[in-house]
Amino acid sequence: MQVTLQKLPDTLTQFDALLQNGLIRPETTCALFLAALRLYTLEVNAGLAALNRLRGPQPMTGYDAQFIRDRLRGRTYLPMAYFEGATPQNSYTPRVPYVLNVLDDWRPQDIQPGYLRIFLKTAGADSPRPMQLRKKGENWFLWEYSSILLGIRIPAAEDSWA
């Protein structure tokens, strides 16, 4: 599965415009998750609001917000690392338009009905990272995404050992 974003939102209004098409495709939810994380690196409150929109009827808790803050602190490159062309060597600067490849679950039998586990690949890690989505109505919402926020290789420009 693949999704392409022509531009990443710089404001919550721009993010909301991307949401107008809905979250019917799981890969769209994944791409918008990364866009919301990037928005968070630009403006925390707008990023949190965008993430809440992707969580559906279960809003973020204080713990969830702290988890995001802790994982992105000093790693503003992390949301960009999953788009095509982003590597540690180019400081995770993806090609434009922004293309995200979403990999299917190779063990879907382990997942309950109404949920979907997919994987995102980054040049900053040796293996794809899982995340889970949950379906409500026609839309797929964020359910579990902590692996996406795990550390990856730091950009070569920031690595004194590179």
Protein backbone atom coordinates (compact mmCIF):
# COMPACT_ATOMS: atom_id res chain seq x y z
CA MET A 1 0.00 0.00 0.00
CA GLN A 2 1.24 3.45 -0.80
CA VAL A 3 0.07 6.99 -0.15
CA THR A 4 1.41 10.26 -1.52
CA LEU A 5 1.10 13.68 0.08
CA GLN A 6 1.94 16.65 -2.12
CA LYS A 7 2.63 18.87 0.88
CA LEU A 8 2.84 18.38 4.63
CA PRO A 9 0.64 20.66 6.72
CA ASP A 10 2.25 23.54 8.60
CA THR A 11 -0.94 24.45 10.49
CA LEU A 12 -3.90 22.67 12.03
CA THR A 13 -6.15 24.22 9.38
CA GLN A 14 -4.02 22.67 6.64
CA PHE A 15 -4.10 19.35 8.50
CA ASP A 16 -7.88 19.50 8.72
CA ALA A 17 -8.05 20.07 4.96
CA LEU A 18 -6.22 16.76 4.47
CA LEU A 19 -8.74 15.06 6.75
CA GLN A 20 -11.67 16.09 4.56
CA ASN A 21 -11.19 12.95 2.46
CA GLY A 22 -11.59 10.81 5.56
CA LEU A 23 -9.56 7.95 6.98
CA ILE A 24 -11.07 5.19 4.87
CA ARG A 25 -7.70 3.85 3.72
CA PRO A 26 -5.35 2.61 6.47
CA GLU A 27 -2.31 3.98 4.67
CA THR A 28 -3.88 7.45 4.71
CA THR A 29 -4.18 7.27 8.49
CA CYS A 30 -0.50 6.28 8.69
CA ALA A 31 0.63 9.17 6.47
CA LEU A 32 -1.51 11.64 8.40
CA PHE A 33 -0.05 10.30 11.66
CA LEU A 34 3.44 11.21 10.43
CA ALA A 35 2.14 14.58 9.22
CA ALA A 36 0.62 15.21 12.67
CA LEU A 37 3.92 14.30 14.35
CA ARG A 38 5.75 16.72 12.08
CA LEU A 39 3.17 19.40 12.87
CA TYR A 40 3.85 18.71 16.55
CA THR A 41 7.54 19.52 15.98
CA LEU A 42 6.44 22.90 14.56
CA GLU A 43 3.71 23.75 17.07
CA VAL A 44 2.95 21.43 19.99
CA ASN A 45 -0.72 22.28 20.53
CA ALA A 46 -1.57 22.01 16.84
CA GLY A 47 0.24 18.68 16.66
CA LEU A 48 -1.62 17.33 19.69
CA ALA A 49 -4.94 18.46 18.22
CA ALA A 50 -4.08 16.74 14.92
CA LEU A 51 -3.14 13.53 16.74
CA ASN A 52 -6.43 13.64 18.66
CA ARG A 53 -8.35 13.84 15.38
CA LEU A 54 -6.60 10.62 14.29
CA ARG A 55 -7.47 8.82 17.52
CA GLY A 56 -11.20 8.91 16.90
CA PRO A 57 -13.43 8.59 19.95
CA GLN A 58 -10.52 7.91 22.32
CA PRO A 59 -8.67 11.20 22.92
CA MET A 60 -5.10 11.37 24.12
CA THR A 61 -4.41 11.22 27.82
CA GLY A 62 -1.79 13.26 29.62
CA TYR A 63 0.42 10.18 29.53
CA ASP A 64 -0.01 9.92 25.74
CA ALA A 65 0.97 13.57 25.28
CA GLN A 66 4.01 13.12 27.52
CA PHE A 67 5.02 10.00 25.58
CA ILE A 68 4.94 11.95 22.31
CA ARG A 69 6.88 14.84 23.86
CA ASP A 70 9.55 12.54 25.28
CA ARG A 71 10.01 10.61 22.02
CA LEU A 72 10.25 13.68 19.79
CA ARG A 73 12.43 15.76 22.10
CA GLY A 74 15.65 16.34 20.19
CA ARG A 75 14.42 14.13 17.34
CA THR A 76 12.41 16.43 15.10
CA TYR A 77 13.64 14.36 12.15
CA LEU A 78 11.76 11.24 13.33
CA PRO A 79 8.40 11.86 11.58
CA MET A 80 10.16 12.43 8.25
CA ALA A 81 12.25 9.27 8.50
CA TYR A 82 9.48 7.00 7.18
CA PHE A 83 8.93 8.76 3.85
CA GLU A 84 10.73 7.60 0.70
CA GLY A 85 14.18 9.05 0.18
CA ALA A 86 14.80 9.88 3.85
CA THR A 87 18.10 8.46 5.13
CA PRO A 88 20.50 9.20 7.97
CA GLN A 89 22.95 10.53 5.36
CA ASN A 90 20.55 13.26 4.17
CA SER A 91 19.28 14.09 7.68
CA TYR A 92 16.01 12.29 6.88
CA THR A 93 15.01 14.70 4.16
CA PRO A 94 12.47 12.83 2.05
CA ARG A 95 11.72 13.36 -1.61
CA VAL A 96 8.78 15.57 -2.55
CA PRO A 97 6.02 14.62 -3.05
CA TYR A 98 6.02 12.67 0.21
CA VAL A 99 5.53 8.96 -0.45
CA LEU A 100 4.85 6.50 2.34
CA ASN A 101 4.98 2.77 1.73
CA VAL A 102 2.89 0.77 4.16
CA LEU A 103 3.68 -2.92 4.45
CA ASP A 104 1.04 -5.55 5.04
CA ASP A 105 1.00 -7.65 8.18
CA TRP A 106 2.57 -11.04 7.57
CA ARG A 107 0.66 -12.51 10.54
CA PRO A 108 -2.86 -11.07 10.26
CA GLN A 109 -4.31 -14.09 12.04
CA ASP A 110 -2.92 -12.67 15.31
CA ILE A 111 -5.16 -9.58 15.12
CA GLN A 112 -8.75 -9.31 16.30
CA PRO A 113 -11.51 -8.29 13.87
CA GLY A 114 -11.81 -4.52 13.57
CA TYR A 115 -8.09 -3.99 14.04
CA LEU A 116 -5.26 -3.84 11.53
CA ARG A 117 -1.53 -4.13 12.09
CA ILE A 118 0.68 -2.65 9.42
CA PHE A 119 4.39 -1.87 9.21
CA LEU A 120 6.38 1.22 8.25
CA LYS A 121 9.95 1.00 7.03
CA THR A 122 12.67 3.55 7.66
CA ALA A 123 16.30 3.66 6.59
CA GLY A 124 17.01 4.49 10.22
CA ALA A 125 16.17 1.00 11.50
CA ASP A 126 16.99 -2.55 10.48
CA SER A 127 13.41 -3.81 10.41
CA PRO A 128 9.98 -2.33 9.70
CA ARG A 129 8.09 -0.91 12.67
CA PRO A 130 4.54 -2.04 13.51
CA MET A 131 1.55 0.08 14.34
CA GLN A 132 -2.08 -0.81 14.87
CA LEU A 133 -5.22 0.87 13.63
CA ARG A 134 -8.78 0.35 14.79
CA LYS A 135 -11.82 0.62 12.58
CA LYS A 136 -14.94 2.52 13.51
CA GLY A 137 -17.55 2.84 10.81
CA GLU A 138 -15.66 3.34 7.55
CA ASN A 139 -12.61 4.99 9.12
CA TRP A 140 -9.32 3.68 10.47
CA PHE A 141 -8.03 5.41 13.61
CA LEU A 142 -4.75 5.27 15.51
CA TRP A 143 -4.68 2.58 18.14
CA GLU A 144 -1.08 1.62 18.97
CA TYR A 145 1.92 3.40 17.49
CA SER A 146 4.69 3.40 20.09
CA SER A 147 7.12 1.43 17.87
CA ILE A 148 7.03 4.20 15.25
CA LEU A 149 8.39 6.57 17.89
CA LEU A 150 11.29 4.38 18.98
CA GLY A 151 14.75 5.72 18.39
CA ILE A 152 16.32 5.36 14.98
CA ARG A 153 19.83 6.05 13.74
CA ILE A 154 20.65 9.69 14.27
CA PRO A 155 21.30 11.82 11.20
CA ALA A 156 24.91 11.58 10.01
CA ALA A 157 25.28 15.35 10.42
CA GLU A 158 24.56 14.93 14.17
CA ASP A 159 26.66 11.78 14.63
CA SER A 160 30.17 12.53 15.82
CA TRP A 161 31.11 8.90 15.02
CA ALA A 162 29.92 9.02 11.42
